[in-house]
Amino acid sequence: MNAVREVVVAGRDAPAWLAASVLECALGPAGVKVTVVELPSLAQAADLCVSLPALEALHTRLRIDESRLLPATRGVFSLGRRFVDATGDAPAFFHAHGSF
C-alpha cells in the first residue's frame, strides 16, 4: 500500500485555510504536503465567521496567537448577533457565538 504524500484542499475563505492548517498540523510531521486550491472569495467586508464550538481551542492547537491575528486581519471578536423579527410579532433574541 502506498503512503499518502500530498493532500489538496479546495475551498474558499476561512474554512479552506482552517482545514488545511489542521491537516498540516496533523499530517505534516509524517511528511505529508498540504496544498490549498483557493476558489474565488465570497466574503464581504461585513461578514463574520461564526463557529461552534468556539475557535479558541483550535487556535491554541495550531499555535495561533489571537492577539496578533486579529490586528493583522483587521478582525474583531463577536460575542453574538441580535435578531429582530421584521414584522414586530416576535420578541428579539440574542444568538451567542462561542464560549462566552
C-alpha atoms as a PDB file:
ATOM      1  CA  MET A   1       0.000   0.000   0.000  1.00  0.00           C
ATOM      2  CA  ASN A   2       1.343   3.435  -0.957  1.00  0.00           C
ATOM      3  CA  ALA A   3       1.511   6.115   1.714  1.00  0.00           C
ATOM      4  CA  VAL A   4      -0.285   9.405   1.151  1.00  0.00           C
ATOM      5  CA  ARG A   5       2.291  12.102   0.365  1.00  0.00           C
ATOM      6  CA  GLU A   6       0.061  15.053  -0.542  1.00  0.00           C
ATOM      7  CA  VAL A   7      -3.409  16.320   0.355  1.00  0.00           C
ATOM      8  CA  VAL A   8      -5.166  19.026  -1.647  1.00  0.00           C
ATOM      9  CA  VAL A   9      -7.844  21.183  -0.026  1.00  0.00           C
ATOM     10  CA  ALA A  10     -10.140  23.003  -2.464  1.00  0.00           C
ATOM     11  CA  GLY A  11     -12.313  25.712  -0.980  1.00  0.00           C
ATOM     12  CA  ARG A  12     -12.616  29.364  -0.140  1.00  0.00           C
ATOM     13  CA  ASP A  13     -12.117  31.778   2.672  1.00  0.00           C
ATOM     14  CA  ALA A  14     -11.544  30.781   6.299  1.00  0.00           C
ATOM     15  CA  PRO A  15     -12.946  27.210   6.102  1.00  0.00           C
ATOM     16  CA  ALA A  16     -10.418  26.179   3.433  1.00  0.00           C
ATOM     17  CA  TRP A  17      -7.466  27.648   5.298  1.00  0.00           C
ATOM     18  CA  LEU A  18      -8.538  26.266   8.672  1.00  0.00           C
ATOM     19  CA  ALA A  19      -8.989  22.789   7.164  1.00  0.00           C
ATOM     20  CA  ALA A  20      -5.556  22.977   5.554  1.00  0.00           C
ATOM     21  CA  SER A  21      -3.988  24.190   8.804  1.00  0.00           C
ATOM     22  CA  VAL A  22      -5.466  21.304  10.784  1.00  0.00           C
ATOM     23  CA  LEU A  23      -4.325  18.773   8.170  1.00  0.00           C
ATOM     24  CA  GLU A  24      -0.828  20.293   8.116  1.00  0.00           C
ATOM     25  CA  CYS A  25      -0.631  20.170  11.908  1.00  0.00           C
ATOM     26  CA  ALA A  26      -1.751  16.532  11.984  1.00  0.00           C
ATOM     27  CA  LEU A  27      -0.016  15.150   8.897  1.00  0.00           C
ATOM     28  CA  GLY A  28       2.945  17.469   8.339  1.00  0.00           C
ATOM     29  CA  PRO A  29       5.198  15.697  10.841  1.00  0.00           C
ATOM     30  CA  ALA A  30       4.725  12.489   8.790  1.00  0.00           C
ATOM     31  CA  GLY A  31       5.953  14.304   5.673  1.00  0.00           C
ATOM     32  CA  VAL A  32       2.566  14.863   4.048  1.00  0.00           C
ATOM     33  CA  LYS A  33       2.403  18.057   1.972  1.00  0.00           C
ATOM     34  CA  VAL A  34      -0.840  20.068   2.201  1.00  0.00           C
ATOM     35  CA  THR A  35      -1.795  22.347  -0.698  1.00  0.00           C
ATOM     36  CA  VAL A  36      -4.734  24.761  -0.848  1.00  0.00           C
ATOM     37  CA  VAL A  37      -6.524  25.478  -4.113  1.00  0.00           C
ATOM     38  CA  GLU A  38      -8.328  28.673  -3.231  1.00  0.00           C
ATOM     39  CA  LEU A  39     -11.610  29.375  -5.001  1.00  0.00           C
ATOM     40  CA  PRO A  40     -12.718  32.984  -5.509  1.00  0.00           C
ATOM     41  CA  SER A  41     -13.778  34.530  -2.228  1.00  0.00           C
ATOM     42  CA  LEU A  42     -17.428  35.121  -1.446  1.00  0.00           C
ATOM     43  CA  ALA A  43     -16.629  37.076   1.711  1.00  0.00           C
ATOM     44  CA  GLN A  44     -17.799  40.651   2.078  1.00  0.00           C
ATOM     45  CA  ALA A  45     -16.340  43.265   4.412  1.00  0.00           C
ATOM     46  CA  ALA A  46     -19.123  42.841   6.991  1.00  0.00           C
ATOM     47  CA  ASP A  47     -19.153  39.017   7.001  1.00  0.00           C
ATOM     48  CA  LEU A  48     -18.472  37.080  10.170  1.00  0.00           C
ATOM     49  CA  CYS A  49     -17.043  33.642  10.604  1.00  0.00           C
ATOM     50  CA  VAL A  50     -19.164  32.062  13.295  1.00  0.00           C
ATOM     51  CA  SER A  51     -18.001  28.783  14.728  1.00  0.00           C
ATOM     52  CA  LEU A  52     -19.453  26.320  17.151  1.00  0.00           C
ATOM     53  CA  PRO A  53     -17.611  25.159  19.085  1.00  0.00           C
ATOM     54  CA  ALA A  54     -15.547  28.278  19.572  1.00  0.00           C
ATOM     55  CA  LEU A  55     -12.197  28.618  17.773  1.00  0.00           C
ATOM     56  CA  GLU A  56     -10.080  29.283  20.870  1.00  0.00           C
ATOM     57  CA  ALA A  57      -9.119  25.620  21.284  1.00  0.00           C
ATOM     58  CA  LEU A  58      -8.300  25.242  17.592  1.00  0.00           C
ATOM     59  CA  HIS A  59      -6.213  28.419  17.555  1.00  0.00           C
ATOM     60  CA  THR A  60      -4.327  27.173  20.610  1.00  0.00           C
ATOM     61  CA  ARG A  61      -3.667  23.793  18.987  1.00  0.00           C
ATOM     62  CA  LEU A  62      -2.412  25.479  15.812  1.00  0.00           C
ATOM     63  CA  ARG A  63      -0.318  27.885  17.920  1.00  0.00           C
ATOM     64  CA  ILE A  64      -2.126  30.918  16.508  1.00  0.00           C
ATOM     65  CA  ASP A  65      -1.682  33.975  18.694  1.00  0.00           C
ATOM     66  CA  GLU A  66      -5.076  35.696  18.593  1.00  0.00           C
ATOM     67  CA  SER A  67      -3.595  38.926  19.953  1.00  0.00           C
ATOM     68  CA  ARG A  68      -1.563  39.132  16.708  1.00  0.00           C
ATOM     69  CA  LEU A  69      -4.119  37.512  14.394  1.00  0.00           C
ATOM     70  CA  LEU A  70      -6.925  39.999  14.927  1.00  0.00           C
ATOM     71  CA  PRO A  71      -4.944  43.199  14.225  1.00  0.00           C
ATOM     72  CA  ALA A  72      -3.201  41.583  11.237  1.00  0.00           C
ATOM     73  CA  THR A  73      -6.531  40.632   9.660  1.00  0.00           C
ATOM     74  CA  ARG A  74      -8.454  43.662  10.925  1.00  0.00           C
ATOM     75  CA  GLY A  75     -10.679  41.193  12.741  1.00  0.00           C
ATOM     76  CA  VAL A  76     -12.733  41.547  15.879  1.00  0.00           C
ATOM     77  CA  PHE A  77     -14.425  39.164  18.237  1.00  0.00           C
ATOM     78  CA  SER A  78     -18.183  38.910  18.039  1.00  0.00           C
ATOM     79  CA  LEU A  79     -19.945  37.549  21.095  1.00  0.00           C
ATOM     80  CA  GLY A  80     -23.164  37.043  19.185  1.00  0.00           C
ATOM     81  CA  ARG A  81     -25.813  38.523  16.992  1.00  0.00           C
ATOM     82  CA  ARG A  82     -29.152  40.096  17.829  1.00  0.00           C
ATOM     83  CA  PHE A  83     -32.083  39.024  15.675  1.00  0.00           C
ATOM     84  CA  VAL A  84     -35.237  41.099  15.380  1.00  0.00           C
ATOM     85  CA  ASP A  85     -38.460  40.000  13.699  1.00  0.00           C
ATOM     86  CA  ALA A  86     -39.152  42.470  10.877  1.00  0.00           C
ATOM     87  CA  THR A  87     -42.900  42.281  11.493  1.00  0.00           C
ATOM     88  CA  GLY A  88     -42.570  43.053  15.199  1.00  0.00           C
ATOM     89  CA  ASP A  89     -44.668  39.997  16.100  1.00  0.00           C
ATOM     90  CA  ALA A  90     -41.883  38.064  17.807  1.00  0.00           C
ATOM     91  CA  PRO A  91     -39.527  39.263  20.531  1.00  0.00           C
ATOM     92  CA  ALA A  92     -35.902  39.939  19.618  1.00  0.00           C
ATOM     93  CA  PHE A  93     -33.334  37.360  20.679  1.00  0.00           C
ATOM     94  CA  PHE A  94     -29.565  37.170  21.005  1.00  0.00           C
ATOM     95  CA  HIS A  95     -27.747  34.203  19.465  1.00  0.00           C
ATOM     96  CA  ALA A  96     -24.432  33.752  21.289  1.00  0.00           C
ATOM     97  CA  HIS A  97     -21.239  32.728  19.466  1.00  0.00           C
ATOM     98  CA  GLY A  98     -18.517  30.818  21.183  1.00  0.00           C
ATOM     99  CA  SER A  99     -17.982  30.060  24.831  1.00  0.00           C
ATOM    100  CA  PHE A 100     -18.972  33.406  26.361  1.00  0.00           C
END
